[in-house]
Amino acid sequence: YLFWTEWGQSPCIGKAHLDGSERVVLVSMGIAWPNGISIDYEENKLYWCDARTDKIERIDLESGGNREIVLSGSNVDMFSVAVFGAYIYWSDR
């Protein structure tokens, strides 16, 4: 799969096959500026950070369900996120 984030009029996080077929929107509500995404294949989770809501969230990789807030900050521009084992690394602008 190819995963992406999109800003603009209809911000979303989506996935598709590598040839662009079977495009699916996983998240479209409660996001504004989704930036970095990271996949934890061991836990089957997709993580992303949002520079507007100042949150790191995650969902189930396949279904897009079980959305959870992992970290919520204030006055930070979360720009990228990476997951490795039991650790989450993030950067701000």
PDB file of N, CA and C in Angstrom:
ATOM      1  N   TYR A   1       0.818  -1.198   0.000  1.00  0.00           N
ATOM      2  CA  TYR A   1       0.000   0.000   0.000  1.00  0.00           C
ATOM      3  C   TYR A   1       0.855   1.251   0.000  1.00  0.00           C
ATOM      4  N   LEU A   2       0.282   2.312  -0.529  1.00  0.00           N
ATOM      5  CA  LEU A   2       0.818   3.651  -0.456  1.00  0.00           C
ATOM      6  C   LEU A   2      -0.096   4.437   0.484  1.00  0.00           C
ATOM      7  N   PHE A   3       0.473   5.107   1.471  1.00  0.00           N
ATOM      8  CA  PHE A   3      -0.295   5.921   2.409  1.00  0.00           C
ATOM      9  C   PHE A   3       0.074   7.375   2.196  1.00  0.00           C
ATOM     10  N   TRP A   4      -0.883   8.296   2.370  1.00  0.00           N
ATOM     11  CA  TRP A   4      -0.613   9.712   2.182  1.00  0.00           C
ATOM     12  C   TRP A   4      -1.485  10.562   3.102  1.00  0.00           C
ATOM     13  N   THR A   5      -1.038  11.813   3.280  1.00  0.00           N
ATOM     14  CA  THR A   5      -1.838  12.813   3.975  1.00  0.00           C
ATOM     15  C   THR A   5      -2.143  13.930   2.994  1.00  0.00           C
ATOM     16  N   GLU A   6      -3.255  14.613   3.232  1.00  0.00           N
ATOM     17  CA  GLU A   6      -3.669  15.683   2.335  1.00  0.00           C
ATOM     18  C   GLU A   6      -4.238  16.841   3.149  1.00  0.00           C
ATOM     19  N   TRP A   7      -3.788  18.054   2.849  1.00  0.00           N
ATOM     20  CA  TRP A   7      -4.326  19.263   3.463  1.00  0.00           C
ATOM     21  C   TRP A   7      -5.394  19.844   2.545  1.00  0.00           C
ATOM     22  N   GLY A   8      -5.819  21.073   2.809  1.00  0.00           N
ATOM     23  CA  GLY A   8      -6.703  21.778   1.893  1.00  0.00           C
ATOM     24  C   GLY A   8      -8.150  21.738   2.318  1.00  0.00           C
ATOM     25  N   GLN A   9      -9.043  21.834   1.332  1.00  0.00           N
ATOM     26  CA  GLN A   9     -10.488  21.882   1.585  1.00  0.00           C
ATOM     27  C   GLN A   9     -11.009  20.627   2.271  1.00  0.00           C
ATOM     28  N   SER A  10     -10.431  19.486   1.943  1.00  0.00           N
ATOM     29  CA  SER A  10     -10.870  18.208   2.512  1.00  0.00           C
ATOM     30  C   SER A  10      -9.668  17.422   3.003  1.00  0.00           C
ATOM     31  N   PRO A  11      -9.117  17.813   4.162  1.00  0.00           N
ATOM     32  CA  PRO A  11      -7.940  17.089   4.652  1.00  0.00           C
ATOM     33  C   PRO A  11      -8.287  15.633   4.952  1.00  0.00           C
ATOM     34  N   CYS A  12      -7.322  14.749   4.674  1.00  0.00           N
ATOM     35  CA  CYS A  12      -7.576  13.335   4.904  1.00  0.00           C
ATOM     36  C   CYS A  12      -6.267  12.559   4.974  1.00  0.00           C
ATOM     37  N   ILE A  13      -6.403  11.324   5.387  1.00  0.00           N
ATOM     38  CA  ILE A  13      -5.325  10.344   5.327  1.00  0.00           C
ATOM     39  C   ILE A  13      -5.895   9.171   4.554  1.00  0.00           C
ATOM     40  N   GLY A  14      -5.154   8.711   3.558  1.00  0.00           N
ATOM     41  CA  GLY A  14      -5.677   7.659   2.710  1.00  0.00           C
ATOM     42  C   GLY A  14      -4.658   6.594   2.389  1.00  0.00           C
ATOM     43  N   LYS A  15      -5.163   5.552   1.726  1.00  0.00           N
ATOM     44  CA  LYS A  15      -4.285   4.489   1.246  1.00  0.00           C
ATOM     45  C   LYS A  15      -4.803   4.001  -0.097  1.00  0.00           C
ATOM     46  N   ALA A  16      -3.885   3.429  -0.869  1.00  0.00           N
ATOM     47  CA  ALA A  16      -4.224   2.844  -2.164  1.00  0.00           C
ATOM     48  C   ALA A  16      -3.172   1.795  -2.485  1.00  0.00           C
ATOM     49  N   HIS A  17      -3.482   0.957  -3.443  1.00  0.00           N
ATOM     50  CA  HIS A  17      -2.464   0.045  -3.953  1.00  0.00           C
ATOM     51  C   HIS A  17      -1.394   0.874  -4.660  1.00  0.00           C
ATOM     52  N   LEU A  18      -0.225   0.324  -4.844  1.00  0.00           N
ATOM     53  CA  LEU A  18       0.872   1.071  -5.438  1.00  0.00           C
ATOM     54  C   LEU A  18       0.595   1.532  -6.861  1.00  0.00           C
ATOM     55  N   ASP A  19      -0.351   0.909  -7.543  1.00  0.00           N
ATOM     56  CA  ASP A  19      -0.712   1.362  -8.889  1.00  0.00           C
ATOM     57  C   ASP A  19      -1.808   2.430  -8.851  1.00  0.00           C
ATOM     58  N   GLY A  20      -2.208   2.862  -7.639  1.00  0.00           N
ATOM     59  CA  GLY A  20      -3.226   3.901  -7.485  1.00  0.00           C
ATOM     60  C   GLY A  20      -4.647   3.385  -7.424  1.00  0.00           C
ATOM     61  N   SER A  21      -4.825   2.101  -7.569  1.00  0.00           N
ATOM     62  CA  SER A  21      -6.174   1.547  -7.542  1.00  0.00           C
ATOM     63  C   SER A  21      -6.663   1.349  -6.102  1.00  0.00           C
ATOM     64  N   GLU A  22      -7.949   1.200  -5.976  1.00  0.00           N
ATOM     65  CA  GLU A  22      -8.625   0.941  -4.702  1.00  0.00           C
ATOM     66  C   GLU A  22      -8.257   1.969  -3.633  1.00  0.00           C
ATOM     67  N   ARG A  23      -8.392   3.212  -4.018  1.00  0.00           N
ATOM     68  CA  ARG A  23      -8.127   4.336  -3.110  1.00  0.00           C
ATOM     69  C   ARG A  23      -9.171   4.352  -1.998  1.00  0.00           C
ATOM     70  N   VAL A  24      -8.711   4.472  -0.746  1.00  0.00           N
ATOM     71  CA  VAL A  24      -9.591   4.469   0.425  1.00  0.00           C
ATOM     72  C   VAL A  24      -9.178   5.607   1.347  1.00  0.00           C
ATOM     73  N   VAL A  25     -10.149   6.374   1.831  1.00  0.00           N
ATOM     74  CA  VAL A  25      -9.882   7.403   2.830  1.00  0.00           C
ATOM     75  C   VAL A  25     -10.040   6.765   4.202  1.00  0.00           C
ATOM     76  N   LEU A  26      -8.980   6.812   4.999  1.00  0.00           N
ATOM     77  CA  LEU A  26      -8.999   6.217   6.336  1.00  0.00           C
ATOM     78  C   LEU A  26      -9.472   7.198   7.397  1.00  0.00           C
ATOM     79  N   VAL A  27      -9.071   8.473   7.271  1.00  0.00           N
ATOM     80  CA  VAL A  27      -9.446   9.509   8.239  1.00  0.00           C
ATOM     81  C   VAL A  27      -9.823  10.766   7.476  1.00  0.00           C
ATOM     82  N   SER A  28     -10.971  11.343   7.792  1.00  0.00           N
ATOM     83  CA  SER A  28     -11.368  12.597   7.152  1.00  0.00           C
ATOM     84  C   SER A  28     -12.022  13.566   8.133  1.00  0.00           C
ATOM     85  N   MET A  29     -12.228  13.162   9.353  1.00  0.00           N
ATOM     86  CA  MET A  29     -12.867  14.014  10.354  1.00  0.00           C
ATOM     87  C   MET A  29     -11.876  14.338  11.465  1.00  0.00           C
ATOM     88  N   GLY A  30     -11.938  15.571  11.969  1.00  0.00           N
ATOM     89  CA  GLY A  30     -11.132  15.942  13.111  1.00  0.00           C
ATOM     90  C   GLY A  30      -9.655  16.137  12.818  1.00  0.00           C
ATOM     91  N   ILE A  31      -9.318  16.376  11.564  1.00  0.00           N
ATOM     92  CA  ILE A  31      -7.934  16.658  11.195  1.00  0.00           C
ATOM     93  C   ILE A  31      -7.909  17.940  10.370  1.00  0.00           C
ATOM     94  N   ALA A  32      -6.770  18.613  10.364  1.00  0.00           N
ATOM     95  CA  ALA A  32      -6.649  19.861   9.621  1.00  0.00           C
ATOM     96  C   ALA A  32      -5.391  19.884   8.764  1.00  0.00           C
ATOM     97  N   TRP A  33      -4.225  19.721   9.405  1.00  0.00           N
ATOM     98  CA  TRP A  33      -2.946  19.745   8.701  1.00  0.00           C
ATOM     99  C   TRP A  33      -2.175  18.473   9.015  1.00  0.00           C
ATOM    100  N   PRO A  34      -2.654  17.323   8.566  1.00  0.00           N
ATOM    101  CA  PRO A  34      -1.909  16.092   8.852  1.00  0.00           C
ATOM    102  C   PRO A  34      -0.575  16.105   8.119  1.00  0.00           C
ATOM    103  N   ASN A  35       0.481  15.918   8.875  1.00  0.00           N
ATOM    104  CA  ASN A  35       1.831  15.981   8.317  1.00  0.00           C
ATOM    105  C   ASN A  35       2.408  14.578   8.188  1.00  0.00           C
ATOM    106  N   GLY A  36       3.411  14.321   9.001  1.00  0.00           N
ATOM    107  CA  GLY A  36       4.117  13.054   8.915  1.00  0.00           C
ATOM    108  C   GLY A  36       3.243  11.869   9.267  1.00  0.00           C
ATOM    109  N   ILE A  37       3.519  10.760   8.609  1.00  0.00           N
ATOM    110  CA  ILE A  37       2.865   9.500   8.965  1.00  0.00           C
ATOM    111  C   ILE A  37       3.940   8.443   9.160  1.00  0.00           C
ATOM    112  N   SER A  38       3.623   7.476   9.989  1.00  0.00           N
ATOM    113  CA  SER A  38       4.541   6.379  10.265  1.00  0.00           C
ATOM    114  C   SER A  38       3.725   5.125  10.494  1.00  0.00           C
ATOM    115  N   ILE A  39       4.260   4.007  10.079  1.00  0.00           N
ATOM    116  CA  ILE A  39       3.548   2.736  10.213  1.00  0.00           C
ATOM    117  C   ILE A  39       4.300   1.826  11.167  1.00  0.00           C
ATOM    118  N   ASP A  40       3.572   1.285  12.112  1.00  0.00           N
ATOM    119  CA  ASP A  40       4.099   0.286  13.042  1.00  0.00           C
ATOM    120  C   ASP A  40       3.522  -1.056  12.599  1.00  0.00           C
ATOM    121  N   TYR A  41       4.309  -1.807  11.853  1.00  0.00           N
ATOM    122  CA  TYR A  41       3.829  -3.078  11.306  1.00  0.00           C
ATOM    123  C   TYR A  41       3.679  -4.150  12.382  1.00  0.00           C
ATOM    124  N   GLU A  42       4.451  -4.059  13.459  1.00  0.00           N
ATOM    125  CA  GLU A  42       4.314  -5.043  14.541  1.00  0.00           C
ATOM    126  C   GLU A  42       2.967  -4.930  15.238  1.00  0.00           C
ATOM    127  N   GLU A  43       2.488  -3.705  15.424  1.00  0.00           N
ATOM    128  CA  GLU A  43       1.208  -3.468  16.099  1.00  0.00           C
ATOM    129  C   GLU A  43       0.073  -3.195  15.108  1.00  0.00           C
ATOM    130  N   ASN A  44       0.388  -3.144  13.807  1.00  0.00           N
ATOM    131  CA  ASN A  44      -0.593  -2.846  12.762  1.00  0.00           C
ATOM    132  C   ASN A  44      -1.300  -1.521  13.006  1.00  0.00           C
ATOM    133  N   LYS A  45      -0.507  -0.474  13.253  1.00  0.00           N
ATOM    134  CA  LYS A  45      -1.043   0.861  13.514  1.00  0.00           C
ATOM    135  C   LYS A  45      -0.428   1.870  12.557  1.00  0.00           C
ATOM    136  N   LEU A  46      -1.208   2.869  12.189  1.00  0.00           N
ATOM    137  CA  LEU A  46      -0.738   3.998  11.410  1.00  0.00           C
ATOM    138  C   LEU A  46      -0.796   5.225  12.320  1.00  0.00           C
ATOM    139  N   TYR A  47       0.324   5.916  12.448  1.00  0.00           N
ATOM    140  CA  TYR A  47       0.436   7.119  13.277  1.00  0.00           C
ATOM    141  C   TYR A  47       0.549   8.335  12.369  1.00  0.00           C
ATOM    142  N   TRP A  48       0.031   9.465  12.828  1.00  0.00           N
ATOM    143  CA  TRP A  48       0.249  10.724  12.126  1.00  0.00           C
ATOM    144  C   TRP A  48       0.268  11.863  13.130  1.00  0.00           C
ATOM    145  N   CYS A  49       0.871  12.965  12.719  1.00  0.00           N
ATOM    146  CA  CYS A  49       0.837  14.174  13.535  1.00  0.00           C
ATOM    147  C   CYS A  49       0.123  15.251  12.739  1.00  0.00           C
ATOM    148  N   ASP A  50      -0.498  16.164  13.469  1.00  0.00           N
ATOM    149  CA  ASP A  50      -1.279  17.235  12.859  1.00  0.00           C
ATOM    150  C   ASP A  50      -0.758  18.569  13.397  1.00  0.00           C
ATOM    151  N   ALA A  51      -0.235  19.405  12.522  1.00  0.00           N
ATOM    152  CA  ALA A  51       0.366  20.674  12.928  1.00  0.00           C
ATOM    153  C   ALA A  51      -0.678  21.689  13.378  1.00  0.00           C
ATOM    154  N   ARG A  52      -1.916  21.492  13.027  1.00  0.00           N
ATOM    155  CA  ARG A  52      -2.977  22.432  13.425  1.00  0.00           C
ATOM    156  C   ARG A  52      -3.601  22.046  14.767  1.00  0.00           C
ATOM    157  N   THR A  53      -3.867  20.757  14.961  1.00  0.00           N
ATOM    158  CA  THR A  53      -4.497  20.303  16.213  1.00  0.00           C
ATOM    159  C   THR A  53      -3.471  19.982  17.293  1.00  0.00           C
ATOM    160  N   ASP A  54      -2.190  19.987  16.939  1.00  0.00           N
ATOM    161  CA  ASP A  54      -1.098  19.697  17.879  1.00  0.00           C
ATOM    162  C   ASP A  54      -1.258  18.333  18.547  1.00  0.00           C
ATOM    163  N   LYS A  55      -1.552  17.325  17.732  1.00  0.00           N
ATOM    164  CA  LYS A  55      -1.747  15.974  18.250  1.00  0.00           C
ATOM    165  C   LYS A  55      -0.980  14.949  17.428  1.00  0.00           C
ATOM    166  N   ILE A  56      -0.643  13.852  18.090  1.00  0.00           N
ATOM    167  CA  ILE A  56      -0.233  12.628  17.412  1.00  0.00           C
ATOM    168  C   ILE A  56      -1.340  11.627  17.680  1.00  0.00           C
ATOM    169  N   GLU A  57      -1.842  11.029  16.613  1.00  0.00           N
ATOM    170  CA  GLU A  57      -2.926  10.055  16.734  1.00  0.00           C
ATOM    171  C   GLU A  57      -2.550   8.776  16.012  1.00  0.00           C
ATOM    172  N   ARG A  58      -3.347   7.728  16.247  1.00  0.00           N
ATOM    173  CA  ARG A  58      -3.109   6.473  15.552  1.00  0.00           C
ATOM    174  C   ARG A  58      -4.440   5.774  15.290  1.00  0.00           C
ATOM    175  N   ILE A  59      -4.406   4.909  14.276  1.00  0.00           N
ATOM    176  CA  ILE A  59      -5.561   4.086  13.905  1.00  0.00           C
ATOM    177  C   ILE A  59      -5.065   2.693  13.544  1.00  0.00           C
ATOM    178  N   ASP A  60      -5.999   1.754  13.445  1.00  0.00           N
ATOM    179  CA  ASP A  60      -5.662   0.435  12.931  1.00  0.00           C
ATOM    180  C   ASP A  60      -5.274   0.563  11.466  1.00  0.00           C
ATOM    181  N   LEU A  61      -4.224  -0.085  11.096  1.00  0.00           N
ATOM    182  CA  LEU A  61      -3.665   0.046   9.754  1.00  0.00           C
ATOM    183  C   LEU A  61      -4.627  -0.415   8.667  1.00  0.00           C
ATOM    184  N   GLU A  62      -5.265  -1.528   8.846  1.00  0.00           N
ATOM    185  CA  GLU A  62      -6.117  -2.078   7.793  1.00  0.00           C
ATOM    186  C   GLU A  62      -7.502  -1.427   7.740  1.00  0.00           C
ATOM    187  N   SER A  63      -8.139  -1.259   8.900  1.00  0.00           N
ATOM    188  CA  SER A  63      -9.538  -0.817   8.916  1.00  0.00           C
ATOM    189  C   SER A  63      -9.702   0.686   9.071  1.00  0.00           C
ATOM    190  N   GLY A  64      -8.710   1.352   9.656  1.00  0.00           N
ATOM    191  CA  GLY A  64      -8.858   2.769   9.959  1.00  0.00           C
ATOM    192  C   GLY A  64      -9.639   3.010  11.244  1.00  0.00           C
ATOM    193  N   GLY A  65      -9.990   1.960  11.950  1.00  0.00           N
ATOM    194  CA  GLY A  65     -10.768   2.077  13.182  1.00  0.00           C
ATOM    195  C   GLY A  65      -9.896   2.256  14.406  1.00  0.00           C
ATOM    196  N   ASN A  66     -10.553   2.291  15.551  1.00  0.00           N
ATOM    197  CA  ASN A  66      -9.891   2.403  16.857  1.00  0.00           C
ATOM    198  C   ASN A  66      -8.958   3.602  16.938  1.00  0.00           C
ATOM    199  N   ARG A  67      -9.459   4.756  16.559  1.00  0.00           N
ATOM    200  CA  ARG A  67      -8.660   5.985  16.580  1.00  0.00           C
ATOM    201  C   ARG A  67      -8.355   6.385  18.023  1.00  0.00           C
ATOM    202  N   GLU A  68      -7.081   6.720  18.264  1.00  0.00           N
ATOM    203  CA  GLU A  68      -6.648   7.107  19.599  1.00  0.00           C
ATOM    204  C   GLU A  68      -5.713   8.310  19.527  1.00  0.00           C
ATOM    205  N   ILE A  69      -5.821   9.201  20.508  1.00  0.00           N
ATOM    206  CA  ILE A  69      -4.853  10.289  20.669  1.00  0.00           C
ATOM    207  C   ILE A  69      -3.694   9.741  21.480  1.00  0.00           C
ATOM    208  N   VAL A  70      -2.496   9.856  20.936  1.00  0.00           N
ATOM    209  CA  VAL A  70      -1.296   9.365  21.607  1.00  0.00           C
ATOM    210  C   VAL A  70      -0.631  10.488  22.392  1.00  0.00           C
ATOM    211  N   LEU A  71      -0.595  11.693  21.804  1.00  0.00           N
ATOM    212  CA  LEU A  71       0.027  12.836  22.447  1.00  0.00           C
ATOM    213  C   LEU A  71      -0.709  14.089  22.010  1.00  0.00           C
ATOM    214  N   SER A  72      -0.978  14.955  22.952  1.00  0.00           N
ATOM    215  CA  SER A  72      -1.623  16.222  22.645  1.00  0.00           C
ATOM    216  C   SER A  72      -0.819  17.326  23.308  1.00  0.00           C
ATOM    217  N   GLY A  73      -0.336  18.283  22.521  1.00  0.00           N
ATOM    218  CA  GLY A  73       0.483  19.361  23.046  1.00  0.00           C
ATOM    219  C   GLY A  73      -0.174  20.695  22.776  1.00  0.00           C
ATOM    220  N   SER A  74       0.527  21.748  23.121  1.00  0.00           N
ATOM    221  CA  SER A  74       0.046  23.084  22.794  1.00  0.00           C
ATOM    222  C   SER A  74       1.239  23.925  22.365  1.00  0.00           C
ATOM    223  N   ASN A  75       0.970  24.829  21.450  1.00  0.00           N
ATOM    224  CA  ASN A  75       1.988  25.736  20.924  1.00  0.00           C
ATOM    225  C   ASN A  75       3.182  25.018  20.308  1.00  0.00           C
ATOM    226  N   VAL A  76       2.938  23.910  19.643  1.00  0.00           N
ATOM    227  CA  VAL A  76       3.981  23.221  18.886  1.00  0.00           C
ATOM    228  C   VAL A  76       3.459  22.982  17.478  1.00  0.00           C
ATOM    229  N   ASP A  77       4.342  22.976  16.517  1.00  0.00           N
ATOM    230  CA  ASP A  77       3.994  22.644  15.132  1.00  0.00           C
ATOM    231  C   ASP A  77       4.533  21.252  14.846  1.00  0.00           C
ATOM    232  N   MET A  78       3.753  20.243  15.163  1.00  0.00           N
ATOM    233  CA  MET A  78       4.210  18.869  14.932  1.00  0.00           C
ATOM    234  C   MET A  78       4.361  18.659  13.436  1.00  0.00           C
ATOM    235  N   PHE A  79       5.550  18.236  13.051  1.00  0.00           N
ATOM    236  CA  PHE A  79       5.870  18.176  11.634  1.00  0.00           C
ATOM    237  C   PHE A  79       6.120  16.761  11.131  1.00  0.00           C
ATOM    238  N   SER A  80       6.742  15.924  11.952  1.00  0.00           N
ATOM    239  CA  SER A  80       7.008  14.555  11.518  1.00  0.00           C
ATOM    240  C   SER A  80       6.915  13.623  12.716  1.00  0.00           C
ATOM    241  N   VAL A  81       6.688  12.360  12.423  1.00  0.00           N
ATOM    242  CA  VAL A  81       6.569  11.346  13.470  1.00  0.00           C
ATOM    243  C   VAL A  81       7.184  10.055  12.955  1.00  0.00           C
ATOM    244  N   ALA A  82       7.840   9.335  13.847  1.00  0.00           N
ATOM    245  CA  ALA A  82       8.409   8.025  13.517  1.00  0.00           C
ATOM    246  C   ALA A  82       8.182   7.107  14.709  1.00  0.00           C
ATOM    247  N   VAL A  83       7.898   5.860  14.418  1.00  0.00           N
ATOM    248  CA  VAL A  83       7.670   4.861  15.459  1.00  0.00           C
ATOM    249  C   VAL A  83       8.711   3.770  15.298  1.00  0.00           C
ATOM    250  N   PHE A  84       9.356   3.425  16.416  1.00  0.00           N
ATOM    251  CA  PHE A  84      10.337   2.351  16.406  1.00  0.00           C
ATOM    252  C   PHE A  84      10.216   1.599  17.719  1.00  0.00           C
ATOM    253  N   GLY A  85       9.759   0.362  17.647  1.00  0.00           N
ATOM    254  CA  GLY A  85       9.553  -0.429  18.858  1.00  0.00           C
ATOM    255  C   GLY A  85       8.550   0.233  19.765  1.00  0.00           C
ATOM    256  N   ALA A  86       8.909   0.423  21.014  1.00  0.00           N
ATOM    257  CA  ALA A  86       8.013   1.024  21.994  1.00  0.00           C
ATOM    258  C   ALA A  86       8.150   2.553  22.040  1.00  0.00           C
ATOM    259  N   TYR A  87       8.913   3.155  21.110  1.00  0.00           N
ATOM    260  CA  TYR A  87       9.186   4.587  21.147  1.00  0.00           C
ATOM    261  C   TYR A  87       8.525   5.328  19.991  1.00  0.00           C
ATOM    262  N   ILE A  88       8.095   6.542  20.290  1.00  0.00           N
ATOM    263  CA  ILE A  88       7.570   7.450  19.267  1.00  0.00           C
ATOM    264  C   ILE A  88       8.475   8.678  19.252  1.00  0.00           C
ATOM    265  N   TYR A  89       8.971   9.025  18.088  1.00  0.00           N
ATOM    266  CA  TYR A  89       9.821  10.190  17.909  1.00  0.00           C
ATOM    267  C   TYR A  89       9.061  11.215  17.074  1.00  0.00           C
ATOM    268  N   TRP A  90       9.109  12.477  17.456  1.00  0.00           N
ATOM    269  CA  TRP A  90       8.443  13.503  16.670  1.00  0.00           C
ATOM    270  C   TRP A  90       9.296  14.766  16.652  1.00  0.00           C
ATOM    271  N   SER A  91       9.036  15.588  15.650  1.00  0.00           N
ATOM    272  CA  SER A  91       9.745  16.863  15.547  1.00  0.00           C
ATOM    273  C   SER A  91       8.725  17.967  15.343  1.00  0.00           C
ATOM    274  N   ASP A  92       9.126  19.172  15.704  1.00  0.00           N
ATOM    275  CA  ASP A  92       8.292  20.324  15.386  1.00  0.00           C
ATOM    276  C   ASP A  92       9.063  21.228  14.431  1.00  0.00           C
ATOM    277  N   ARG A  93       8.336  22.190  13.906  1.00  0.00           N
ATOM    278  CA  ARG A  93       8.937  23.071  12.909  1.00  0.00           C
ATOM    279  C   ARG A  93       9.825  24.012  13.582  1.00  0.00           C
TER     280      ARG A  93
END
